[in-house]
Protein backbone atom coordinates (compact mmCIF):
# COMPACT_ATOMS: atom_id res chain seq x y z
CA MET A 1 8.61 -4.46 -20.69
CA ASN A 2 8.70 -1.50 -23.32
CA LEU A 3 5.31 0.68 -23.81
CA LYS A 4 5.20 0.10 -27.26
CA VAL A 5 5.90 -3.32 -27.37
CA VAL A 6 2.91 -4.77 -25.40
CA ALA A 7 0.36 -2.64 -27.12
CA VAL A 8 0.82 -5.00 -30.10
CA LEU A 9 2.58 -8.03 -29.05
CA SER A 10 -0.54 -9.94 -29.45
CA ILE A 11 -0.39 -9.10 -33.01
CA SER A 12 3.36 -9.94 -32.97
CA LEU A 13 2.58 -13.05 -31.82
CA MET A 14 0.56 -14.17 -34.78
CA VAL A 15 3.22 -13.07 -37.83
CA ALA A 16 3.71 -15.42 -40.44
CA GLY A 17 6.98 -16.94 -40.98
CA CYS A 18 7.82 -17.97 -37.82
CA ALA A 19 11.20 -20.27 -37.45
CA MET A 20 10.89 -23.80 -36.06
CA ASN A 21 11.72 -24.21 -32.31
CA PRO A 22 14.81 -25.74 -32.71
CA TRP A 23 14.49 -27.91 -29.25
CA ARG A 24 12.39 -31.27 -28.78
CA LYS A 25 9.35 -30.71 -30.88
CA PRO A 26 7.02 -33.43 -29.66
CA SER A 27 3.24 -34.21 -32.15
CA THR A 28 1.17 -31.50 -32.47
CA GLU A 29 -1.61 -33.51 -29.98
CA ALA A 30 0.98 -34.00 -27.09
CA GLY A 31 2.25 -30.53 -27.69
CA LYS A 32 -1.30 -29.20 -27.06
CA ALA A 33 -2.32 -31.38 -24.73
CA ALA A 34 0.77 -29.89 -22.06
CA ALA A 35 -0.27 -26.71 -22.93
CA GLU A 36 -3.58 -27.08 -22.09
CA ALA A 37 -2.74 -28.97 -18.93
CA GLY A 38 -0.90 -26.46 -17.52
CA SER A 39 -3.34 -23.26 -18.47
CA GLU A 40 -4.08 -23.08 -14.91
CA GLN A 41 -1.19 -22.61 -12.18
CA GLY A 42 0.15 -25.86 -10.90
CA GLY A 43 2.71 -27.06 -8.95
CA PHE A 44 6.33 -27.64 -9.55
CA SER A 45 6.03 -30.82 -10.77
CA ASP A 46 3.81 -30.47 -13.52
CA ASP A 47 5.60 -27.33 -14.91
CA ILE A 48 8.82 -29.51 -14.78
CA ALA A 49 7.10 -32.98 -16.55
CA PHE A 50 5.64 -30.18 -19.21
CA LEU A 51 9.37 -28.17 -19.93
CA ARG A 52 10.94 -31.44 -20.16
CA THR A 53 8.87 -32.64 -23.13
CA TYR A 54 10.19 -29.67 -24.75
CA THR A 55 13.71 -28.86 -23.36
CA ASP A 56 16.66 -29.89 -20.34
CA VAL A 57 16.04 -28.95 -17.29
CA VAL A 58 19.05 -28.87 -14.77
CA ILE A 59 17.33 -28.84 -11.28
CA LEU A 60 19.41 -27.58 -8.24
CA LYS A 61 18.35 -28.17 -4.48
CA ASP A 62 19.26 -26.71 -1.16
CA ARG A 63 20.41 -28.71 1.47
CA SER A 64 16.82 -29.39 2.65
CA GLY A 65 16.19 -30.41 -0.59
CA ARG A 66 12.81 -28.94 -0.70
CA GLY A 67 14.13 -25.58 -2.34
CA GLN A 68 14.51 -26.23 -5.86
CA VAL A 69 15.52 -24.10 -8.89
CA ALA A 70 14.88 -24.88 -12.80
CA VAL A 71 17.60 -23.37 -15.18
CA LEU A 72 16.95 -24.01 -18.47
CA PRO A 73 20.46 -23.98 -20.64
CA LYS A 74 18.47 -24.20 -24.12
CA MET A 75 16.50 -20.95 -22.97
CA GLN A 76 19.40 -18.41 -22.27
CA GLY A 77 20.14 -20.26 -18.88
CA ARG A 78 16.88 -18.56 -17.82
CA VAL A 79 15.56 -19.69 -14.12
CA MET A 80 12.50 -20.85 -15.29
CA THR A 81 10.59 -21.50 -12.05
CA SER A 82 11.07 -22.72 -8.33
CA THR A 83 9.83 -23.99 -5.29
CA ALA A 84 9.89 -23.72 -1.45
CA THR A 85 8.55 -27.04 -0.43
CA GLY A 86 9.81 -29.71 -2.83
CA PRO A 87 8.15 -31.23 -6.18
CA ASP A 88 4.26 -30.78 -4.84
CA GLY A 89 4.65 -27.50 -3.81
CA PHE A 90 3.64 -24.27 -5.57
CA SER A 91 5.59 -22.84 -8.63
CA PHE A 92 7.01 -19.37 -8.52
CA GLY A 93 7.74 -18.49 -12.13
CA TRP A 94 5.52 -17.66 -14.55
CA ILE A 95 5.84 -19.97 -18.04
CA ASN A 96 3.97 -19.15 -21.41
CA ARG A 97 3.38 -22.89 -21.70
CA GLU A 98 1.20 -21.72 -25.19
CA LEU A 99 4.50 -20.20 -27.21
CA VAL A 100 6.39 -22.95 -25.61
CA ALA A 101 4.32 -25.61 -26.99
CA SER A 102 4.04 -23.82 -30.29
CA GLY A 103 7.51 -25.29 -31.03
CA GLN A 104 7.61 -22.08 -32.67
CA PHE A 105 9.81 -18.67 -32.65
CA VAL A 106 7.83 -15.31 -33.45
CA LYS A 107 9.23 -12.26 -34.72
CA HIS A 108 10.34 -9.68 -32.51
CA ILE A 109 10.37 -11.20 -28.76
CA ASN A 110 10.10 -15.15 -27.68
CA VAL A 111 7.57 -14.41 -24.15
CA PHE A 112 8.59 -17.69 -22.82
CA GLY A 113 8.56 -16.23 -19.35
CA GLY A 114 10.89 -17.59 -16.23
CA GLU A 115 11.58 -15.68 -12.49
CA ASP A 116 15.36 -14.78 -13.65
CA ARG A 117 16.37 -14.18 -17.84
CA PHE A 118 19.08 -12.50 -19.08
CA TRP A 119 18.74 -9.43 -21.23
CA LEU A 120 21.16 -6.62 -22.35
CA GLY A 121 20.59 -2.91 -22.24
CA PRO A 122 19.53 -0.31 -23.80
CA GLU A 123 16.31 -1.11 -25.41
CA GLY A 124 15.73 2.06 -26.82
CA GLY A 125 17.40 4.97 -28.19
CA GLN A 126 21.08 5.95 -30.19
CA PHE A 127 22.42 3.14 -28.65
CA SER A 128 19.73 0.76 -28.65
CA ILE A 129 20.81 -2.80 -29.52
CA PHE A 130 17.16 -3.89 -30.70
CA PHE A 131 16.96 -0.98 -33.45
CA GLU A 132 19.28 -1.00 -36.85
CA LYS A 133 20.69 1.59 -37.57
CA GLY A 134 18.64 4.76 -38.98
CA VAL A 135 15.55 3.12 -38.55
CA PRO A 136 12.05 4.31 -36.86
CA PHE A 137 11.56 3.13 -33.45
CA ASP A 138 8.74 1.27 -33.59
CA LEU A 139 7.23 -2.20 -32.76
CA ASP A 140 7.81 -3.02 -36.99
CA HIS A 141 11.44 -2.31 -36.54
CA TRP A 142 12.02 -3.46 -33.07
CA PHE A 143 13.54 -6.90 -32.71
CA THR A 144 15.38 -9.07 -29.58
CA PRO A 145 18.82 -10.09 -30.32
CA ALA A 146 18.84 -13.70 -30.94
CA SER A 147 21.52 -14.15 -28.15
CA ILE A 148 19.08 -13.26 -25.53
CA ASP A 149 16.07 -14.71 -27.12
CA THR A 150 16.20 -17.81 -28.53
CA GLU A 151 19.75 -19.61 -28.98
CA SER A 152 21.12 -21.88 -26.91
CA TRP A 153 23.34 -20.95 -24.48
CA THR A 154 26.24 -23.43 -23.13
CA LEU A 155 26.01 -25.18 -19.22
CA ALA A 156 30.31 -25.44 -18.78
CA SER A 157 29.34 -27.31 -15.29
CA LYS A 158 27.51 -28.06 -12.78
CA SER A 159 26.77 -29.45 -9.31
CA ALA A 160 23.45 -30.29 -6.69
CA HIS A 161 23.18 -26.40 -6.12
CA SER A 162 25.12 -24.19 -8.75
CA ALA A 163 25.00 -24.13 -12.52
CA ARG A 164 27.71 -21.92 -14.63
CA LEU A 165 26.40 -21.50 -18.50
CA GLN A 166 28.22 -19.34 -20.90
CA LYS A 167 27.70 -17.21 -24.48
CA THR A 168 30.09 -15.83 -26.90
CA ILE A 169 27.88 -13.02 -28.41
CA GLN A 170 27.88 -10.00 -31.14
CA VAL A 171 25.66 -7.33 -30.95
CA LYS A 172 25.28 -4.00 -33.07
CA ASN A 173 23.76 -1.11 -31.93
CA TYR A 174 21.78 1.74 -33.49
CA SER A 175 24.60 4.01 -34.04
CA GLY A 176 26.34 0.97 -35.79
CA GLU A 177 28.85 0.37 -33.30
CA VAL A 178 29.66 -3.54 -32.88
CA PHE A 179 30.30 -5.57 -29.26
CA ASP A 180 32.15 -8.18 -29.02
CA LEU A 181 31.67 -10.01 -25.50
CA ARG A 182 31.42 -13.16 -23.44
CA VAL A 183 28.74 -13.83 -20.75
CA ASP A 184 29.63 -16.23 -17.76
CA ARG A 185 26.46 -16.92 -15.85
CA GLU A 186 26.28 -19.12 -12.93
CA VAL A 187 22.82 -19.30 -11.27
CA ARG A 188 23.51 -20.44 -7.94
CA VAL A 189 20.96 -21.83 -4.97
CA LEU A 190 21.12 -20.49 -1.29
CA ASP A 191 20.46 -22.84 1.51
CA ARG A 192 18.12 -20.98 4.25
CA ASN A 193 20.37 -19.55 7.07
CA ALA A 194 22.66 -17.63 3.63
CA ALA A 195 19.49 -16.43 2.73
CA LEU A 196 18.54 -15.54 5.53
CA LYS A 197 22.05 -13.63 6.50
CA GLN A 198 21.85 -12.24 3.08
CA LEU A 199 18.92 -10.22 3.76
CA GLY A 200 19.35 -9.61 7.75
CA ALA A 201 16.22 -11.27 8.22
CA ALA A 202 14.60 -14.22 10.57
CA ALA A 203 12.35 -16.70 10.17
CA GLY A 204 10.22 -18.87 11.75
CA LEU A 205 10.12 -22.71 11.05
CA GLY A 206 6.73 -22.11 9.88
CA VAL A 207 8.05 -20.45 7.14
CA ASN A 208 8.72 -22.55 3.66
CA LEU A 209 11.62 -20.60 1.83
CA VAL A 210 13.38 -20.89 -1.44
CA ALA A 211 16.62 -18.52 -2.75
CA PHE A 212 19.02 -18.19 -5.56
CA GLU A 213 20.94 -15.74 -6.92
CA SER A 214 22.32 -15.21 -10.68
CA ASN A 215 26.03 -13.85 -10.91
CA ASN A 216 26.13 -12.82 -14.31
CA LYS A 217 29.82 -11.31 -15.87
CA VAL A 218 30.15 -9.64 -19.34
CA VAL A 219 33.16 -9.42 -20.67
CA ASN A 220 34.68 -7.17 -23.21
CA THR A 221 36.07 -9.61 -25.70
CA GLY A 222 36.53 -7.20 -28.67
CA PRO A 223 39.84 -5.10 -30.01
CA LYS A 224 38.28 -2.04 -28.82
CA PRO A 225 37.10 0.23 -25.82
CA TRP A 226 33.33 0.42 -24.71
CA THR A 227 33.11 4.49 -24.92
CA LYS A 228 29.90 6.80 -24.11
CA GLU A 229 30.51 8.56 -27.35
CA THR A 230 29.87 5.26 -28.86
CA GLY A 231 27.60 3.63 -26.42
CA LEU A 232 27.53 1.71 -23.70
CA LEU A 233 25.77 -1.97 -22.67
CA SER A 234 24.51 -2.90 -19.29
CA ILE A 235 23.45 -6.04 -17.67
CA TRP A 236 19.14 -6.07 -17.32
CA ILE A 237 17.58 -9.01 -15.15
CA LEU A 238 14.10 -9.50 -15.20
CA GLY A 239 11.91 -11.90 -13.43
CA MET A 240 8.39 -12.79 -14.49
CA PHE A 241 5.77 -14.09 -11.89
CA ASN A 242 2.48 -15.25 -11.74
CA PRO A 243 -0.08 -12.55 -11.09
CA SER A 244 -3.45 -12.47 -8.67
CA PRO A 245 -5.76 -10.07 -7.91
CA GLU A 246 -4.32 -9.85 -4.33
CA THR A 247 -0.82 -9.11 -5.48
CA THR A 248 1.10 -5.93 -4.61
CA ILE A 249 4.41 -4.94 -5.57
CA VAL A 250 6.67 -3.41 -2.83
CA ILE A 251 9.13 -1.16 -3.43
CA PRO A 252 11.06 1.20 -0.77
CA PHE A 253 12.96 4.11 -2.35
CA LYS A 254 15.45 6.68 -0.78
CA THR A 255 13.26 9.87 0.51
CA GLY A 256 14.52 13.72 -0.16
CA PRO A 257 13.55 16.84 -2.72
CA GLU A 258 13.44 16.12 -6.18
CA SER A 259 15.69 19.63 -6.87
CA GLU A 260 18.32 16.89 -4.98
CA LEU A 261 17.33 13.24 -6.31
CA GLY A 262 14.91 13.52 -8.82
CA PRO A 263 11.54 12.48 -9.56
CA VAL A 264 10.23 9.36 -6.69
CA VAL A 265 9.64 7.53 -9.80
CA ASN A 266 8.96 7.15 -13.64
CA ASP A 267 5.45 5.85 -14.25
CA ALA A 268 4.48 7.21 -17.60
CA TYR A 269 5.62 4.40 -19.52
CA PHE A 270 2.01 3.72 -20.95
CA GLY A 271 0.97 7.05 -19.76
CA LYS A 272 0.73 7.74 -16.11
CA VAL A 273 -0.39 4.87 -13.66
CA PRO A 274 -3.59 5.81 -11.53
CA GLU A 275 -3.72 6.23 -8.69
CA ASP A 276 -5.80 3.60 -7.14
CA ARG A 277 -2.53 1.17 -8.92
CA LEU A 278 0.35 2.94 -7.51
CA VAL A 279 0.82 4.81 -3.78
CA ILE A 280 3.67 6.33 -2.67
CA LYS A 281 4.23 7.07 0.97
CA ASP A 282 6.76 7.99 3.09
CA GLY A 283 9.83 5.55 1.56
CA VAL A 284 7.75 3.14 -0.27
CA MET A 285 5.38 2.80 -3.68
CA PHE A 286 3.35 -0.16 -3.66
CA PHE A 287 2.21 -0.87 -7.61
CA SER A 288 -0.70 -3.62 -8.14
CA GLY A 289 0.39 -6.70 -9.73
CA ASP A 290 -2.36 -7.91 -10.99
CA GLY A 291 -2.29 -8.39 -14.42
CA GLN A 292 -4.84 -6.84 -14.70
CA TYR A 293 -3.79 -3.70 -16.52
CA ARG A 294 -0.76 -2.60 -18.44
CA SER A 295 1.03 -0.17 -16.85
CA LYS A 296 5.26 0.31 -15.52
CA ILE A 297 7.35 2.01 -13.08
CA GLY A 298 10.79 2.72 -13.37
CA LEU A 299 13.57 4.41 -10.20
CA SER A 300 16.57 5.88 -11.02
CA PRO A 301 19.74 5.34 -9.02
CA GLN A 302 19.64 8.35 -7.42
CA ARG A 303 15.48 7.01 -5.65
CA ALA A 304 16.61 3.40 -5.73
CA LYS A 305 17.52 0.88 -3.18
CA LYS A 306 19.04 -2.63 -3.33
CA LEU A 307 15.96 -4.74 -3.12
CA ALA A 308 11.73 -4.58 -4.32
CA GLY A 309 9.38 -6.85 -3.56
CA SER A 310 5.64 -8.01 -3.63
CA TYR A 311 3.11 -10.07 -1.36
CA ASP A 312 0.40 -12.20 -3.19
CA ALA A 313 -1.70 -12.25 -0.37
CA ALA A 314 -3.55 -14.96 -1.91
CA ASN A 315 -1.06 -17.78 -1.78
CA ARG A 316 0.77 -16.16 0.94
CA VAL A 317 4.06 -15.53 -0.54
CA LEU A 318 6.49 -13.16 0.05
CA THR A 319 8.76 -12.48 -2.55
CA VAL A 320 11.90 -10.36 -2.00
CA VAL A 321 14.66 -9.50 -4.86
CA GLN A 322 18.02 -8.29 -3.88
CA TYR A 323 21.00 -6.85 -6.03
CA ASP A 324 24.31 -5.51 -6.01
CA LYS A 325 24.26 -1.58 -6.43
CA PRO A 326 27.44 -0.10 -6.66
CA GLU A 327 27.27 2.84 -4.67
CA GLY A 328 27.61 6.46 -6.25
CA VAL A 329 26.96 5.18 -9.95
CA VAL A 330 24.38 7.23 -11.97
CA ASP A 331 25.12 6.12 -15.00
CA TYR A 332 22.28 3.35 -16.56
CA VAL A 333 21.58 3.19 -20.11
CA ASN A 334 18.15 4.88 -20.86
CA SER A 335 15.98 2.07 -22.87
CA MET A 336 13.14 4.64 -23.87
CA TRP A 337 12.27 4.45 -28.02
CA GLU A 338 13.45 7.58 -28.78
CA LEU A 339 16.59 9.91 -29.93
CA GLN A 340 17.94 10.76 -26.46
CA GLU A 341 19.43 13.98 -24.94
CA GLN A 342 20.61 11.80 -21.88
CA PRO A 343 20.88 8.54 -22.97
CA PHE A 344 22.75 7.37 -19.56
CA ARG A 345 20.30 8.71 -16.88
CA GLY A 346 18.22 5.06 -16.81
CA ASP A 347 16.30 3.72 -14.54
CA VAL A 348 17.72 0.75 -11.98
CA ILE A 349 14.86 -1.14 -10.80
CA ASN A 350 11.72 -1.40 -13.03
CA SER A 351 8.57 -3.23 -12.28
CA TYR A 352 5.73 -4.01 -15.13
CA ASN A 353 2.11 -5.27 -14.64
CA ASP A 354 0.76 -7.13 -17.54
CA GLY A 355 -2.31 -6.58 -18.64
CA PRO A 356 -4.55 -6.09 -22.42
CA ALA A 357 -3.27 -3.54 -24.38
CA SER A 358 -6.43 -2.34 -25.83
CA PRO A 359 -9.94 -3.04 -24.40
CA GLY A 360 -10.95 -6.68 -25.28
CA ALA A 361 -7.07 -7.33 -26.16
CA LYS A 362 -5.56 -10.64 -24.71
CA PRO A 363 -2.79 -9.80 -21.97
CA MET A 364 0.51 -11.83 -23.27
CA GLY A 365 0.43 -13.29 -19.91
CA PRO A 366 -0.48 -12.47 -17.67
CA PHE A 367 1.97 -12.10 -15.47
CA TYR A 368 4.19 -8.97 -13.52
CA GLU A 369 7.70 -8.55 -13.60
CA LEU A 370 10.50 -7.41 -11.37
CA GLU A 371 14.10 -6.10 -12.73
CA THR A 372 17.02 -4.64 -12.04
CA SER A 373 19.77 -3.64 -14.26
CA SER A 374 23.63 -3.12 -13.59
CA PRO A 375 25.40 0.76 -14.37
CA ALA A 376 26.33 1.25 -17.85
CA ALA A 377 29.54 -0.92 -18.31
CA ALA A 378 32.70 1.49 -20.09
CA LEU A 379 34.75 -1.55 -20.64
CA ALA A 380 38.23 -1.39 -22.44
CA PRO A 381 39.10 -4.92 -23.84
CA GLY A 382 39.31 -7.99 -21.51
CA GLN A 383 37.75 -6.07 -19.04
CA SER A 384 34.55 -7.21 -17.06
CA ILE A 385 31.04 -6.29 -15.35
CA LEU A 386 28.92 -8.27 -12.48
CA HIS A 387 25.64 -8.07 -11.51
CA THR A 388 24.26 -9.99 -8.97
CA HIS A 389 20.53 -10.18 -8.54
CA ARG A 390 18.74 -12.49 -6.04
CA THR A 391 15.11 -13.70 -5.64
CA PHE A 392 13.62 -14.98 -2.63
CA HIS A 393 10.29 -16.52 -1.89
CA PHE A 394 8.85 -16.96 1.36
CA ILE A 395 5.57 -18.89 2.01
CA GLY A 396 3.90 -19.39 5.29
CA ASP A 397 1.09 -17.80 7.65
CA GLU A 398 1.11 -13.86 7.57
CA SER A 399 1.84 -13.72 11.20
CA GLN A 400 5.54 -15.08 10.67
CA LEU A 401 5.70 -13.59 7.32
CA ASP A 402 5.29 -10.08 8.68
CA ALA A 403 8.34 -10.14 10.24
CA ILE A 404 10.44 -10.68 7.36
CA ALA A 405 8.23 -7.59 5.43
CA ARG A 406 9.20 -5.26 8.11
CA THR A 407 12.38 -6.26 7.75
CA THR A 408 13.10 -5.96 4.01
CA LEU A 409 10.65 -4.00 2.39
CA GLY A 410 9.95 -1.56 5.38
CA VAL A 411 6.12 -2.41 5.89
CA GLY A 412 4.03 -5.08 7.74
CA ILE A 413 1.86 -7.09 5.85
CA ALA A 414 -1.48 -5.73 6.94
CA GLU A 415 -0.43 -2.41 5.19
CA ILE A 416 0.74 -4.07 2.19
CA LYS A 417 -2.56 -5.28 2.01
CA SER A 418 -4.31 -2.07 2.43
CA ALA A 419 -2.30 0.01 0.42
CA LEU A 420 -4.22 -0.20 -2.76
CA PRO A 421 -7.60 1.00 -2.56
């Protein structure tokens, strides 16, 4: 989330003139009851029952039937949540039941939730697609394009294990350049052996897992090439997860001198992150995912590796996010809310921890996010760029999760749990 968005989002969620939500809307009493029933973290089947009250839900399953993923075509094809242990299992994705049940859209952004949702960048700067030409970079003038916020996407095909979605989009950036594009998005569940092979990890039979990937392709369908002079787009995948006081985000990074690789982390999105919430050790950073303090960090392509993760010690959930990162590419869009001197020196990996925007204020969720981005897409007409983002959830005894954490994130469970003061 952008630093200026969160500070006043609680106000934007109450603005007048909200458009009515075109999804299925039950009676006010039914909607209120459904939202209240899910105010606390429930099981996967509870979340699916709630979502089906309002929209179509496609359930994808791995071969065991225990790993299940919920895809919502009318909510931009997002993966809203998943489970590793069947319908009665823990539900991993954060869902904003109150907003879904309201039956309304709000003006600036609709934070419905979801652990894999499609966005486009950049958010800020002279090539932003969230601001019209010439307006100030402030919340009053910031609007999420409807195609990645509220509009339905087409479910092109589905099987037991995958769903293909499509959307034709036109956006205009701050500098006035128009982009015509098509998004082809496939969500696919990975079977256990394929998931472990993808990570290069092993897991005992006592560890349950669900793994899925989104393959996101953007095609330039317009008549002109996309160039740096007039602005470029990028694919941006954001995952929103349930926080807990015992959740720690873990991001390995490339070590080396700042003179060669630049700063280790950008932790100044909301003002510098306090030392008790961001600890940087040799090659690994630890960031609080408690949903109690608004903060955000980002890693450049020079520092980012191909994965990030988190560990929720309260529920014994190890989450790993992996993405395809091209070697040697340094041009990533910059989303800072300002006219930029370096519009293509943005972050590759971001993580956001929700919290009150001001003392006594209500947080948006709370939730925490793990995000990845594609390089800036300089595409000729007909050319495309592909960004693959994978999510793995492991749940089980810590003794068995420890080896997976060491293999993927480079640190064990005990070190993760003790990393933050």
